[in-house]
Amino acid sequence: MAQRGHSRQNDIEAILEALITDGGFTSAVVASKEGLPFATAGNAHTTLIAAVAAAIKDLVERAHQAPLEITSRNERGDQIVIRYFSVQEERLLLSITMPAGRHPYRRLTSRAIRQIRRVLEK
């Protein structure tokens, strides 16, 4: 349902843009459990990141674990954080990429997830 001339996707993308700005992150994506992105922000391969995040979740679930968060770091220290959450009965993921260095992300991603839930529950 659109609100004030904005779609849910636009509202979520605005949340992601604020998340990137506040955290100094490179990109952010919200995707379905299958890895299909429906809101992105920043400049990274967000479609690929969403697909990989979904595949990782499936792998972990086959080991009878329900992941809440998965973090990966490359040789340069750049990091990908994938947080899984639910809205109503739908399982979603929020993935962020960040450059090397200390970047506190937990509080910022938790706030973004709360805001995304509010948008999607309307």
N, C-alpha and C. Protein backbone atom coordinates (compact mmCIF):
# COMPACT_ATOMS: atom_id res chain seq x y z
N MET A 1 0.86 -1.18 0.00
CA MET A 1 0.00 0.00 0.00
C MET A 1 0.90 1.24 0.00
N ALA A 2 0.66 2.15 -0.90
CA ALA A 2 1.47 3.38 -1.00
C ALA A 2 1.03 4.39 0.04
N GLN A 3 1.99 5.12 0.52
CA GLN A 3 1.70 6.16 1.48
C GLN A 3 2.28 7.47 0.99
N ARG A 4 1.51 8.52 1.04
CA ARG A 4 1.98 9.87 0.71
C ARG A 4 2.83 9.88 -0.55
N GLY A 5 2.39 9.15 -1.59
CA GLY A 5 3.09 9.18 -2.85
C GLY A 5 4.35 8.34 -2.87
N HIS A 6 4.61 7.56 -1.83
CA HIS A 6 5.79 6.73 -1.78
C HIS A 6 5.39 5.26 -1.77
N SER A 7 6.18 4.44 -2.42
CA SER A 7 5.95 3.00 -2.35
C SER A 7 6.72 2.43 -1.17
N ARG A 8 6.39 1.20 -0.80
CA ARG A 8 7.13 0.54 0.27
C ARG A 8 8.59 0.42 -0.10
N GLN A 9 8.87 0.10 -1.36
CA GLN A 9 10.25 -0.03 -1.80
C GLN A 9 11.00 1.29 -1.62
N ASN A 10 10.40 2.39 -2.00
CA ASN A 10 11.04 3.70 -1.82
C ASN A 10 11.29 4.00 -0.35
N ASP A 11 10.31 3.67 0.49
CA ASP A 11 10.47 3.90 1.93
C ASP A 11 11.61 3.07 2.50
N ILE A 12 11.70 1.81 2.09
CA ILE A 12 12.78 0.95 2.59
C ILE A 12 14.12 1.41 2.04
N GLU A 13 14.17 1.82 0.79
CA GLU A 13 15.42 2.32 0.23
C GLU A 13 15.89 3.58 0.97
N ALA A 14 14.97 4.42 1.40
CA ALA A 14 15.34 5.60 2.20
C ALA A 14 15.93 5.17 3.54
N ILE A 15 15.37 4.13 4.15
CA ILE A 15 15.91 3.60 5.40
C ILE A 15 17.33 3.07 5.16
N LEU A 16 17.52 2.36 4.06
CA LEU A 16 18.84 1.81 3.74
C LEU A 16 19.86 2.92 3.46
N GLU A 17 19.45 3.96 2.77
CA GLU A 17 20.36 5.09 2.51
C GLU A 17 20.81 5.73 3.82
N ALA A 18 19.86 5.91 4.74
CA ALA A 18 20.21 6.47 6.05
C ALA A 18 21.15 5.54 6.81
N LEU A 19 20.91 4.25 6.72
CA LEU A 19 21.77 3.25 7.37
C LEU A 19 23.20 3.36 6.85
N ILE A 20 23.36 3.45 5.54
CA ILE A 20 24.68 3.58 4.92
C ILE A 20 25.38 4.86 5.40
N THR A 21 24.65 5.93 5.38
CA THR A 21 25.21 7.22 5.79
C THR A 21 25.63 7.20 7.26
N ASP A 22 24.73 6.73 8.13
CA ASP A 22 25.00 6.72 9.57
C ASP A 22 26.14 5.79 9.94
N GLY A 23 26.26 4.66 9.23
CA GLY A 23 27.26 3.66 9.60
C GLY A 23 28.56 3.71 8.82
N GLY A 24 28.60 4.51 7.75
CA GLY A 24 29.79 4.52 6.92
C GLY A 24 29.92 3.23 6.13
N PHE A 25 28.79 2.61 5.81
CA PHE A 25 28.78 1.35 5.08
C PHE A 25 28.85 1.61 3.58
N THR A 26 29.15 0.55 2.83
CA THR A 26 29.27 0.66 1.38
C THR A 26 27.93 0.43 0.69
N SER A 27 27.19 -0.58 1.16
CA SER A 27 25.90 -0.89 0.55
C SER A 27 25.01 -1.60 1.55
N ALA A 28 23.74 -1.68 1.19
CA ALA A 28 22.76 -2.40 2.00
C ALA A 28 21.68 -2.95 1.08
N VAL A 29 21.16 -4.10 1.44
CA VAL A 29 20.10 -4.72 0.65
C VAL A 29 19.14 -5.43 1.58
N VAL A 30 17.85 -5.37 1.24
CA VAL A 30 16.83 -6.17 1.90
C VAL A 30 16.32 -7.12 0.83
N ALA A 31 16.28 -8.40 1.19
CA ALA A 31 15.89 -9.42 0.22
C ALA A 31 15.00 -10.47 0.87
N SER A 32 14.36 -11.23 0.01
CA SER A 32 13.54 -12.35 0.47
C SER A 32 14.44 -13.50 0.89
N LYS A 33 13.87 -14.51 1.52
CA LYS A 33 14.66 -15.66 1.94
C LYS A 33 15.25 -16.41 0.75
N GLU A 34 14.67 -16.21 -0.43
CA GLU A 34 15.20 -16.82 -1.65
C GLU A 34 16.34 -16.00 -2.25
N GLY A 35 16.60 -14.82 -1.69
CA GLY A 35 17.68 -13.99 -2.19
C GLY A 35 17.27 -12.99 -3.24
N LEU A 36 15.98 -12.76 -3.39
CA LEU A 36 15.50 -11.78 -4.37
C LEU A 36 15.44 -10.40 -3.71
N PRO A 37 16.31 -9.48 -4.14
CA PRO A 37 16.33 -8.16 -3.50
C PRO A 37 15.10 -7.34 -3.89
N PHE A 38 14.53 -6.62 -2.92
CA PHE A 38 13.46 -5.69 -3.26
C PHE A 38 13.75 -4.28 -2.83
N ALA A 39 14.87 -4.06 -2.18
CA ALA A 39 15.30 -2.69 -1.87
C ALA A 39 16.82 -2.72 -1.70
N THR A 40 17.49 -1.78 -2.36
CA THR A 40 18.95 -1.72 -2.29
C THR A 40 19.40 -0.27 -2.15
N ALA A 41 20.60 -0.11 -1.66
CA ALA A 41 21.21 1.21 -1.57
C ALA A 41 22.72 1.03 -1.59
N GLY A 42 23.40 2.01 -2.11
CA GLY A 42 24.86 1.96 -2.14
C GLY A 42 25.38 1.43 -3.45
N ASN A 43 26.67 1.16 -3.46
CA ASN A 43 27.30 0.73 -4.70
C ASN A 43 28.12 -0.52 -4.49
N ALA A 44 27.44 -1.64 -4.50
CA ALA A 44 28.07 -2.95 -4.47
C ALA A 44 27.18 -3.86 -5.30
N HIS A 45 27.58 -5.08 -5.45
CA HIS A 45 26.80 -6.05 -6.22
C HIS A 45 25.70 -6.61 -5.31
N THR A 46 24.68 -5.79 -5.07
CA THR A 46 23.67 -6.14 -4.07
C THR A 46 22.87 -7.37 -4.47
N THR A 47 22.63 -7.59 -5.76
CA THR A 47 21.90 -8.79 -6.19
C THR A 47 22.71 -10.03 -5.84
N LEU A 48 23.99 -10.00 -6.12
CA LEU A 48 24.87 -11.12 -5.79
C LEU A 48 24.93 -11.34 -4.28
N ILE A 49 25.05 -10.27 -3.53
CA ILE A 49 25.12 -10.37 -2.07
C ILE A 49 23.85 -11.01 -1.52
N ALA A 50 22.70 -10.60 -2.03
CA ALA A 50 21.43 -11.16 -1.57
C ALA A 50 21.34 -12.65 -1.89
N ALA A 51 21.77 -13.04 -3.08
CA ALA A 51 21.72 -14.45 -3.47
C ALA A 51 22.65 -15.29 -2.61
N VAL A 52 23.83 -14.80 -2.36
CA VAL A 52 24.79 -15.53 -1.51
C VAL A 52 24.25 -15.63 -0.09
N ALA A 53 23.67 -14.57 0.43
CA ALA A 53 23.11 -14.58 1.78
C ALA A 53 22.02 -15.63 1.92
N ALA A 54 21.17 -15.75 0.89
CA ALA A 54 20.10 -16.75 0.92
C ALA A 54 20.68 -18.16 0.86
N ALA A 55 21.70 -18.35 0.04
CA ALA A 55 22.32 -19.67 -0.07
C ALA A 55 22.99 -20.08 1.25
N ILE A 56 23.65 -19.13 1.91
CA ILE A 56 24.28 -19.41 3.19
C ILE A 56 23.23 -19.80 4.22
N LYS A 57 22.12 -19.06 4.23
CA LYS A 57 21.04 -19.37 5.17
C LYS A 57 20.53 -20.79 4.94
N ASP A 58 20.33 -21.18 3.68
CA ASP A 58 19.86 -22.52 3.38
C ASP A 58 20.84 -23.58 3.87
N LEU A 59 22.13 -23.33 3.67
CA LEU A 59 23.16 -24.27 4.11
C LEU A 59 23.15 -24.43 5.62
N VAL A 60 23.07 -23.33 6.34
CA VAL A 60 23.05 -23.37 7.80
C VAL A 60 21.78 -24.06 8.30
N GLU A 61 20.66 -23.81 7.66
CA GLU A 61 19.40 -24.43 8.08
C GLU A 61 19.43 -25.94 7.86
N ARG A 62 20.14 -26.40 6.85
CA ARG A 62 20.28 -27.85 6.63
C ARG A 62 21.03 -28.50 7.78
N ALA A 63 21.84 -27.74 8.47
CA ALA A 63 22.55 -28.23 9.65
C ALA A 63 21.67 -28.07 10.90
N HIS A 64 20.40 -27.80 10.69
CA HIS A 64 19.41 -27.66 11.76
C HIS A 64 19.70 -26.49 12.69
N GLN A 65 20.16 -25.41 12.11
CA GLN A 65 20.38 -24.17 12.83
C GLN A 65 19.54 -23.09 12.15
N ALA A 66 19.04 -22.16 12.90
CA ALA A 66 18.31 -21.02 12.33
C ALA A 66 19.18 -19.79 12.53
N PRO A 67 19.88 -19.37 11.49
CA PRO A 67 20.82 -18.25 11.67
C PRO A 67 20.09 -16.94 11.95
N LEU A 68 20.67 -16.15 12.82
CA LEU A 68 20.19 -14.79 13.06
C LEU A 68 21.12 -13.79 12.39
N GLU A 69 22.41 -14.16 12.34
CA GLU A 69 23.40 -13.26 11.75
C GLU A 69 24.59 -14.08 11.25
N ILE A 70 25.11 -13.69 10.10
CA ILE A 70 26.31 -14.30 9.56
C ILE A 70 27.22 -13.16 9.12
N THR A 71 28.50 -13.27 9.47
CA THR A 71 29.48 -12.24 9.11
C THR A 71 30.62 -12.89 8.36
N SER A 72 31.09 -12.19 7.33
CA SER A 72 32.23 -12.67 6.55
C SER A 72 33.17 -11.51 6.30
N ARG A 73 34.47 -11.81 6.29
CA ARG A 73 35.48 -10.78 6.07
C ARG A 73 36.43 -11.28 4.99
N ASN A 74 36.83 -10.40 4.07
CA ASN A 74 37.80 -10.79 3.05
C ASN A 74 39.22 -10.48 3.51
N GLU A 75 40.20 -10.77 2.66
CA GLU A 75 41.60 -10.59 3.04
C GLU A 75 41.97 -9.13 3.30
N ARG A 76 41.24 -8.19 2.72
CA ARG A 76 41.50 -6.76 2.98
C ARG A 76 40.84 -6.29 4.26
N GLY A 77 39.96 -7.10 4.82
CA GLY A 77 39.26 -6.71 6.04
C GLY A 77 37.87 -6.15 5.78
N ASP A 78 37.47 -6.03 4.50
CA ASP A 78 36.11 -5.62 4.19
C ASP A 78 35.16 -6.69 4.72
N GLN A 79 33.99 -6.26 5.14
CA GLN A 79 33.09 -7.17 5.83
C GLN A 79 31.70 -7.14 5.22
N ILE A 80 31.04 -8.30 5.23
CA ILE A 80 29.63 -8.43 4.90
C ILE A 80 28.93 -8.96 6.13
N VAL A 81 27.87 -8.29 6.53
CA VAL A 81 27.06 -8.74 7.65
C VAL A 81 25.66 -9.01 7.12
N ILE A 82 25.16 -10.19 7.43
CA ILE A 82 23.81 -10.58 7.01
C ILE A 82 23.00 -10.83 8.27
N ARG A 83 21.91 -10.08 8.41
CA ARG A 83 21.00 -10.26 9.54
C ARG A 83 19.67 -10.75 9.01
N TYR A 84 19.17 -11.82 9.59
CA TYR A 84 17.90 -12.42 9.19
C TYR A 84 16.81 -11.97 10.17
N PHE A 85 15.63 -11.71 9.64
CA PHE A 85 14.51 -11.28 10.49
C PHE A 85 13.20 -11.65 9.80
N SER A 86 12.12 -11.57 10.55
CA SER A 86 10.80 -11.91 10.02
C SER A 86 9.87 -10.72 10.12
N VAL A 87 9.00 -10.61 9.14
CA VAL A 87 7.91 -9.65 9.16
C VAL A 87 6.66 -10.46 8.89
N GLN A 88 5.78 -10.47 9.88
CA GLN A 88 4.62 -11.35 9.86
C GLN A 88 5.15 -12.77 9.67
N GLU A 89 4.78 -13.47 8.64
CA GLU A 89 5.25 -14.85 8.43
C GLU A 89 6.39 -14.94 7.42
N GLU A 90 6.85 -13.81 6.92
CA GLU A 90 7.86 -13.82 5.87
C GLU A 90 9.27 -13.63 6.45
N ARG A 91 10.18 -14.51 6.06
CA ARG A 91 11.58 -14.43 6.47
C ARG A 91 12.34 -13.57 5.47
N LEU A 92 13.08 -12.57 5.98
CA LEU A 92 13.81 -11.63 5.15
C LEU A 92 15.25 -11.54 5.62
N LEU A 93 16.06 -10.86 4.83
CA LEU A 93 17.43 -10.62 5.26
C LEU A 93 17.81 -9.18 4.96
N LEU A 94 18.64 -8.65 5.83
CA LEU A 94 19.26 -7.34 5.64
C LEU A 94 20.75 -7.61 5.58
N SER A 95 21.37 -7.21 4.49
CA SER A 95 22.80 -7.40 4.34
C SER A 95 23.46 -6.04 4.14
N ILE A 96 24.57 -5.85 4.83
CA ILE A 96 25.35 -4.62 4.65
C ILE A 96 26.79 -5.00 4.31
N THR A 97 27.43 -4.15 3.55
CA THR A 97 28.86 -4.30 3.30
C THR A 97 29.54 -3.07 3.87
N MET A 98 30.73 -3.30 4.42
CA MET A 98 31.46 -2.18 5.01
C MET A 98 32.95 -2.34 4.77
N PRO A 99 33.63 -1.22 4.63
CA PRO A 99 35.07 -1.27 4.43
C PRO A 99 35.78 -1.72 5.70
N ALA A 100 37.04 -2.09 5.54
CA ALA A 100 37.85 -2.53 6.68
C ALA A 100 37.88 -1.45 7.76
N GLY A 101 38.02 -1.89 8.97
CA GLY A 101 38.04 -0.97 10.10
C GLY A 101 36.89 -1.29 11.04
N ARG A 102 36.91 -0.67 12.16
CA ARG A 102 35.84 -0.92 13.14
C ARG A 102 34.62 -0.08 12.79
N HIS A 103 33.53 -0.77 12.53
CA HIS A 103 32.26 -0.12 12.22
C HIS A 103 31.19 -0.74 13.11
N PRO A 104 30.73 -0.03 14.11
CA PRO A 104 29.64 -0.58 14.91
C PRO A 104 28.38 -0.66 14.06
N TYR A 105 27.84 -1.83 13.94
CA TYR A 105 26.70 -2.02 13.05
C TYR A 105 25.45 -2.54 13.75
N ARG A 106 25.60 -3.18 14.88
CA ARG A 106 24.48 -3.87 15.52
C ARG A 106 23.32 -2.92 15.83
N ARG A 107 23.60 -1.82 16.50
CA ARG A 107 22.54 -0.87 16.87
C ARG A 107 21.89 -0.28 15.62
N LEU A 108 22.72 0.07 14.63
CA LEU A 108 22.18 0.68 13.41
C LEU A 108 21.33 -0.29 12.61
N THR A 109 21.79 -1.54 12.48
CA THR A 109 21.00 -2.51 11.72
C THR A 109 19.73 -2.90 12.48
N SER A 110 19.81 -2.96 13.79
CA SER A 110 18.60 -3.25 14.58
C SER A 110 17.55 -2.16 14.40
N ARG A 111 18.00 -0.91 14.40
CA ARG A 111 17.08 0.20 14.18
C ARG A 111 16.48 0.13 12.77
N ALA A 112 17.31 -0.16 11.78
CA ALA A 112 16.82 -0.27 10.39
C ALA A 112 15.79 -1.40 10.27
N ILE A 113 16.05 -2.53 10.92
CA ILE A 113 15.11 -3.65 10.87
C ILE A 113 13.78 -3.25 11.49
N ARG A 114 13.80 -2.55 12.62
CA ARG A 114 12.54 -2.08 13.24
C ARG A 114 11.78 -1.17 12.27
N GLN A 115 12.49 -0.26 11.62
CA GLN A 115 11.85 0.66 10.68
C GLN A 115 11.29 -0.09 9.47
N ILE A 116 12.02 -1.05 8.97
CA ILE A 116 11.55 -1.84 7.82
C ILE A 116 10.30 -2.62 8.20
N ARG A 117 10.30 -3.21 9.38
CA ARG A 117 9.10 -3.93 9.84
C ARG A 117 7.89 -3.00 9.86
N ARG A 118 8.08 -1.79 10.36
CA ARG A 118 6.94 -0.84 10.42
C ARG A 118 6.40 -0.56 9.03
N VAL A 119 7.29 -0.37 8.07
CA VAL A 119 6.87 -0.10 6.70
C VAL A 119 6.10 -1.29 6.14
N LEU A 120 6.62 -2.48 6.32
CA LEU A 120 6.01 -3.68 5.72
C LEU A 120 4.75 -4.16 6.43
N GLU A 121 4.59 -3.79 7.69
CA GLU A 121 3.41 -4.23 8.43
C GLU A 121 2.20 -3.34 8.21
N LYS A 122 2.39 -2.25 7.48
CA LYS A 122 1.26 -1.33 7.23
C LYS A 122 0.34 -1.92 6.19
